[in-house]
Amino acid sequence: MKKHRFYFLFSLLLVITFSCSDHDGDPTTVAEMDRDFMVKAADGNMFEIMAGEIAEKKALTDSVKAYGHHMVMDHSMATQELMALASKKTVTLPTGLSAAKQLKIDSLNALNGINFDKTYMTMMVASHVETISLFEMEASGGVDQEVKSWAAGKLPTLKHHLEKAEKVKSAL
């Protein structure tokens, strides 16, 4: 009897162990690292889009307006791709900005003229440095191959955004 109980408990322990794993075989379940990356990427995209829309309206210089428009277009496309990937992986993305990014949007809304242009471009440089770091970490250390591949595929565009932001900023 004790032998049967041992085998039963051992079997139960195995079932519990495997049911609590990361579900590597399930393509709709992603590791916490990948999920966190997707949420942060969505937050970053929303910030870039909102800040870009403000720049299109408020910027004094044409180069800053054009940069803002470019950010709206590229990050809107990236958001659509990320939403499709998140849906496939059953990851819920945020629908509003994080508190930190909302504060940045609020500060942009309070500025005008050349002060706006300089602050916006400074934010874009900092934002893209941060975003590139996030995407590089996912591309090299993520768990889900599809999420890693998406992140790696966005790096050239993000690096181009950073180069352009630095160029526009230095011209102000």
C-alpha atoms as a PDB file:
ATOM      1  CA  MET A   1       0.000   0.000   0.000  1.00  0.00           C
ATOM      2  CA  LYS A   2       2.804   2.391   0.902  1.00  0.00           C
ATOM      3  CA  LYS A   3       4.454   1.603  -2.407  1.00  0.00           C
ATOM      4  CA  HIS A   4       1.305   2.548  -4.350  1.00  0.00           C
ATOM      5  CA  ARG A   5       0.921   5.747  -2.373  1.00  0.00           C
ATOM      6  CA  PHE A   6       4.560   6.641  -3.133  1.00  0.00           C
ATOM      7  CA  TYR A   7       4.039   6.097  -6.883  1.00  0.00           C
ATOM      8  CA  PHE A   8       0.793   8.038  -6.788  1.00  0.00           C
ATOM      9  CA  LEU A   9       2.403  10.993  -4.985  1.00  0.00           C
ATOM     10  CA  PHE A  10       5.430  10.869  -7.282  1.00  0.00           C
ATOM     11  CA  SER A  11       3.164  10.880 -10.354  1.00  0.00           C
ATOM     12  CA  LEU A  12       1.132  13.728  -8.923  1.00  0.00           C
ATOM     13  CA  LEU A  13       4.309  15.690  -8.276  1.00  0.00           C
ATOM     14  CA  LEU A  14       5.407  15.171 -11.902  1.00  0.00           C
ATOM     15  CA  VAL A  15       2.034  16.360 -13.222  1.00  0.00           C
ATOM     16  CA  ILE A  16       2.160  19.470 -11.040  1.00  0.00           C
ATOM     17  CA  THR A  17       5.763  20.196 -12.038  1.00  0.00           C
ATOM     18  CA  PHE A  18       5.064  19.970 -15.756  1.00  0.00           C
ATOM     19  CA  SER A  19       1.825  21.898 -15.541  1.00  0.00           C
ATOM     20  CA  CYS A  20       3.651  24.778 -13.842  1.00  0.00           C
ATOM     21  CA  SER A  21       6.443  24.986 -16.429  1.00  0.00           C
ATOM     22  CA  ASP A  22       6.888  27.768 -18.986  1.00  0.00           C
ATOM     23  CA  HIS A  23       4.896  25.780 -21.578  1.00  0.00           C
ATOM     24  CA  ASP A  24       7.772  25.763 -24.047  1.00  0.00           C
ATOM     25  CA  GLY A  25       5.684  23.754 -26.468  1.00  0.00           C
ATOM     26  CA  ASP A  26       2.779  26.211 -26.439  1.00  0.00           C
ATOM     27  CA  PRO A  27       3.365  28.938 -29.050  1.00  0.00           C
ATOM     28  CA  THR A  28       0.778  31.227 -27.439  1.00  0.00           C
ATOM     29  CA  THR A  29       2.581  31.427 -24.100  1.00  0.00           C
ATOM     30  CA  VAL A  30       5.665  33.580 -23.679  1.00  0.00           C
ATOM     31  CA  ALA A  31       8.179  33.893 -20.880  1.00  0.00           C
ATOM     32  CA  GLU A  32       7.883  36.809 -18.472  1.00  0.00           C
ATOM     33  CA  MET A  33      10.981  38.474 -19.983  1.00  0.00           C
ATOM     34  CA  ASP A  34       9.398  38.486 -23.442  1.00  0.00           C
ATOM     35  CA  ARG A  35       6.061  39.669 -22.064  1.00  0.00           C
ATOM     36  CA  ASP A  36       7.771  42.546 -20.206  1.00  0.00           C
ATOM     37  CA  PHE A  37       9.652  43.487 -23.362  1.00  0.00           C
ATOM     38  CA  MET A  38       6.440  43.614 -25.388  1.00  0.00           C
ATOM     39  CA  VAL A  39       4.720  45.807 -22.792  1.00  0.00           C
ATOM     40  CA  LYS A  40       7.693  48.199 -22.654  1.00  0.00           C
ATOM     41  CA  ALA A  41       7.929  48.279 -26.455  1.00  0.00           C
ATOM     42  CA  ALA A  42       4.229  49.155 -26.677  1.00  0.00           C
ATOM     43  CA  ASP A  43       4.684  51.937 -24.121  1.00  0.00           C
ATOM     44  CA  GLY A  44       7.644  53.293 -26.066  1.00  0.00           C
ATOM     45  CA  ASN A  45       5.734  53.200 -29.345  1.00  0.00           C
ATOM     46  CA  MET A  46       2.786  55.059 -27.826  1.00  0.00           C
ATOM     47  CA  PHE A  47       5.151  57.697 -26.458  1.00  0.00           C
ATOM     48  CA  GLU A  48       6.893  58.165 -29.817  1.00  0.00           C
ATOM     49  CA  ILE A  49       3.552  58.467 -31.623  1.00  0.00           C
ATOM     50  CA  MET A  50       2.067  60.952 -29.157  1.00  0.00           C
ATOM     51  CA  ALA A  51       5.236  63.042 -28.983  1.00  0.00           C
ATOM     52  CA  GLY A  52       5.501  62.963 -32.778  1.00  0.00           C
ATOM     53  CA  GLU A  53       1.920  64.186 -33.155  1.00  0.00           C
ATOM     54  CA  ILE A  54       2.661  67.073 -30.814  1.00  0.00           C
ATOM     55  CA  ALA A  55       5.831  67.886 -32.790  1.00  0.00           C
ATOM     56  CA  GLU A  56       3.889  67.928 -36.054  1.00  0.00           C
ATOM     57  CA  LYS A  57       1.657  70.647 -34.583  1.00  0.00           C
ATOM     58  CA  LYS A  58       3.962  72.637 -32.298  1.00  0.00           C
ATOM     59  CA  ALA A  59       7.471  72.468 -33.725  1.00  0.00           C
ATOM     60  CA  LEU A  60       8.984  75.697 -34.952  1.00  0.00           C
ATOM     61  CA  THR A  61      11.423  74.201 -37.427  1.00  0.00           C
ATOM     62  CA  ASP A  62      10.493  72.108 -40.435  1.00  0.00           C
ATOM     63  CA  SER A  63      13.116  69.457 -39.656  1.00  0.00           C
ATOM     64  CA  VAL A  64      11.578  68.842 -36.231  1.00  0.00           C
ATOM     65  CA  LYS A  65       8.064  68.677 -37.719  1.00  0.00           C
ATOM     66  CA  ALA A  66       9.287  66.215 -40.343  1.00  0.00           C
ATOM     67  CA  TYR A  67      11.015  64.099 -37.700  1.00  0.00           C
ATOM     68  CA  GLY A  68       7.813  64.039 -35.644  1.00  0.00           C
ATOM     69  CA  HIS A  69       5.826  62.913 -38.686  1.00  0.00           C
ATOM     70  CA  HIS A  70       8.384  60.196 -39.390  1.00  0.00           C
ATOM     71  CA  MET A  71       8.063  58.939 -35.805  1.00  0.00           C
ATOM     72  CA  VAL A  72       4.271  58.801 -36.055  1.00  0.00           C
ATOM     73  CA  MET A  73       4.434  56.783 -39.269  1.00  0.00           C
ATOM     74  CA  ASP A  74       7.172  54.320 -38.272  1.00  0.00           C
ATOM     75  CA  HIS A  75       6.009  53.731 -34.712  1.00  0.00           C
ATOM     76  CA  SER A  76       2.373  53.335 -35.793  1.00  0.00           C
ATOM     77  CA  MET A  77       3.457  50.582 -38.172  1.00  0.00           C
ATOM     78  CA  ALA A  78       5.570  48.958 -35.449  1.00  0.00           C
ATOM     79  CA  THR A  79       2.605  49.147 -33.074  1.00  0.00           C
ATOM     80  CA  GLN A  80       0.371  47.308 -35.542  1.00  0.00           C
ATOM     81  CA  GLU A  81       2.994  44.562 -35.908  1.00  0.00           C
ATOM     82  CA  LEU A  82       3.467  44.335 -32.148  1.00  0.00           C
ATOM     83  CA  MET A  83      -0.290  44.148 -31.559  1.00  0.00           C
ATOM     84  CA  ALA A  84      -0.564  41.240 -34.011  1.00  0.00           C
ATOM     85  CA  LEU A  85       2.341  39.448 -32.330  1.00  0.00           C
ATOM     86  CA  ALA A  86       0.928  40.108 -28.860  1.00  0.00           C
ATOM     87  CA  SER A  87      -2.462  38.776 -29.921  1.00  0.00           C
ATOM     88  CA  LYS A  88      -0.844  35.614 -31.270  1.00  0.00           C
ATOM     89  CA  LYS A  89       1.097  35.186 -28.018  1.00  0.00           C
ATOM     90  CA  THR A  90      -1.892  36.166 -25.817  1.00  0.00           C
ATOM     91  CA  VAL A  91      -0.013  39.097 -24.316  1.00  0.00           C
ATOM     92  CA  THR A  92      -2.100  42.046 -23.165  1.00  0.00           C
ATOM     93  CA  LEU A  93      -0.495  45.341 -24.159  1.00  0.00           C
ATOM     94  CA  PRO A  94      -1.127  48.617 -22.348  1.00  0.00           C
ATOM     95  CA  THR A  95      -3.681  50.982 -23.843  1.00  0.00           C
ATOM     96  CA  GLY A  96      -2.320  54.073 -22.092  1.00  0.00           C
ATOM     97  CA  LEU A  97       1.077  55.525 -21.371  1.00  0.00           C
ATOM     98  CA  SER A  98       3.093  54.683 -18.287  1.00  0.00           C
ATOM     99  CA  ALA A  99       3.206  57.459 -15.696  1.00  0.00           C
ATOM    100  CA  ALA A 100       6.820  58.333 -16.569  1.00  0.00           C
ATOM    101  CA  LYS A 101       6.103  58.709 -20.269  1.00  0.00           C
ATOM    102  CA  GLN A 102       2.914  60.671 -19.583  1.00  0.00           C
ATOM    103  CA  LEU A 103       4.960  63.191 -17.584  1.00  0.00           C
ATOM    104  CA  LYS A 104       7.214  63.659 -20.626  1.00  0.00           C
ATOM    105  CA  ILE A 105       4.189  64.231 -22.867  1.00  0.00           C
ATOM    106  CA  ASP A 106       2.796  66.746 -20.366  1.00  0.00           C
ATOM    107  CA  SER A 107       6.113  68.618 -20.303  1.00  0.00           C
ATOM    108  CA  LEU A 108       6.194  68.749 -24.119  1.00  0.00           C
ATOM    109  CA  ASN A 109       2.659  70.119 -24.215  1.00  0.00           C
ATOM    110  CA  ALA A 110       3.725  72.965 -21.921  1.00  0.00           C
ATOM    111  CA  LEU A 111       6.501  74.167 -24.268  1.00  0.00           C
ATOM    112  CA  ASN A 112       6.497  76.302 -27.408  1.00  0.00           C
ATOM    113  CA  GLY A 113       8.895  77.579 -30.044  1.00  0.00           C
ATOM    114  CA  ILE A 114      12.563  76.708 -30.037  1.00  0.00           C
ATOM    115  CA  ASN A 115      12.318  75.447 -26.425  1.00  0.00           C
ATOM    116  CA  PHE A 116       9.848  72.846 -27.636  1.00  0.00           C
ATOM    117  CA  ASP A 117      12.059  71.842 -30.573  1.00  0.00           C
ATOM    118  CA  LYS A 118      15.180  71.436 -28.431  1.00  0.00           C
ATOM    119  CA  THR A 119      13.387  69.551 -25.665  1.00  0.00           C
ATOM    120  CA  TYR A 120      11.584  67.257 -28.105  1.00  0.00           C
ATOM    121  CA  MET A 121      14.780  66.370 -29.939  1.00  0.00           C
ATOM    122  CA  THR A 122      16.641  65.803 -26.659  1.00  0.00           C
ATOM    123  CA  MET A 123      13.837  63.472 -25.596  1.00  0.00           C
ATOM    124  CA  MET A 124      13.995  61.644 -28.929  1.00  0.00           C
ATOM    125  CA  VAL A 125      17.716  61.019 -28.582  1.00  0.00           C
ATOM    126  CA  ALA A 126      17.305  59.733 -25.015  1.00  0.00           C
ATOM    127  CA  SER A 127      14.216  57.697 -25.898  1.00  0.00           C
ATOM    128  CA  HIS A 128      15.913  55.971 -28.800  1.00  0.00           C
ATOM    129  CA  VAL A 129      19.045  55.196 -26.785  1.00  0.00           C
ATOM    130  CA  GLU A 130      16.800  53.569 -24.166  1.00  0.00           C
ATOM    131  CA  THR A 131      14.707  51.763 -26.783  1.00  0.00           C
ATOM    132  CA  ILE A 132      17.728  50.411 -28.651  1.00  0.00           C
ATOM    133  CA  SER A 133      19.071  49.001 -25.385  1.00  0.00           C
ATOM    134  CA  LEU A 134      15.707  47.343 -24.659  1.00  0.00           C
ATOM    135  CA  PHE A 135      15.507  45.820 -28.142  1.00  0.00           C
ATOM    136  CA  GLU A 136      19.127  44.623 -28.074  1.00  0.00           C
ATOM    137  CA  MET A 137      18.526  42.882 -24.749  1.00  0.00           C
ATOM    138  CA  GLU A 138      15.480  41.106 -26.159  1.00  0.00           C
ATOM    139  CA  ALA A 139      17.168  40.221 -29.445  1.00  0.00           C
ATOM    140  CA  SER A 140      20.115  38.619 -27.645  1.00  0.00           C
ATOM    141  CA  GLY A 141      18.512  37.271 -24.486  1.00  0.00           C
ATOM    142  CA  GLY A 142      14.826  36.742 -25.131  1.00  0.00           C
ATOM    143  CA  VAL A 143      13.246  33.309 -24.856  1.00  0.00           C
ATOM    144  CA  ASP A 144      10.567  33.326 -27.564  1.00  0.00           C
ATOM    145  CA  GLN A 145      12.194  33.096 -30.997  1.00  0.00           C
ATOM    146  CA  GLU A 146       9.425  35.043 -32.737  1.00  0.00           C
ATOM    147  CA  VAL A 147       9.590  37.920 -30.262  1.00  0.00           C
ATOM    148  CA  LYS A 148      13.410  37.922 -30.413  1.00  0.00           C
ATOM    149  CA  SER A 149      13.296  38.022 -34.209  1.00  0.00           C
ATOM    150  CA  TRP A 150      10.810  40.899 -34.232  1.00  0.00           C
ATOM    151  CA  ALA A 151      13.014  42.877 -31.842  1.00  0.00           C
ATOM    152  CA  ALA A 152      16.143  42.204 -33.902  1.00  0.00           C
ATOM    153  CA  GLY A 153      14.331  43.238 -37.070  1.00  0.00           C
ATOM    154  CA  LYS A 154      13.443  46.638 -35.602  1.00  0.00           C
ATOM    155  CA  LEU A 155      16.976  47.525 -34.506  1.00  0.00           C
ATOM    156  CA  PRO A 156      18.192  48.978 -37.849  1.00  0.00           C
ATOM    157  CA  THR A 157      15.190  51.328 -37.996  1.00  0.00           C
ATOM    158  CA  LEU A 158      15.625  52.376 -34.375  1.00  0.00           C
ATOM    159  CA  LYS A 159      19.312  53.087 -34.937  1.00  0.00           C
ATOM    160  CA  HIS A 160      18.409  55.170 -37.984  1.00  0.00           C
ATOM    161  CA  HIS A 161      15.893  57.108 -35.840  1.00  0.00           C
ATOM    162  CA  LEU A 162      18.647  57.804 -33.295  1.00  0.00           C
ATOM    163  CA  GLU A 163      21.105  59.010 -35.956  1.00  0.00           C
ATOM    164  CA  LYS A 164      18.463  61.289 -37.459  1.00  0.00           C
ATOM    165  CA  ALA A 165      17.479  62.634 -34.010  1.00  0.00           C
ATOM    166  CA  GLU A 166      21.096  63.451 -33.197  1.00  0.00           C
ATOM    167  CA  LYS A 167      21.510  65.211 -36.553  1.00  0.00           C
ATOM    168  CA  VAL A 168      18.339  67.304 -36.185  1.00  0.00           C
ATOM    169  CA  LYS A 169      19.187  68.118 -32.562  1.00  0.00           C
ATOM    170  CA  SER A 170      22.689  69.297 -33.422  1.00  0.00           C
ATOM    171  CA  ALA A 171      21.303  71.584 -36.154  1.00  0.00           C
ATOM    172  CA  LEU A 172      19.059  73.482 -33.707  1.00  0.00           C
END
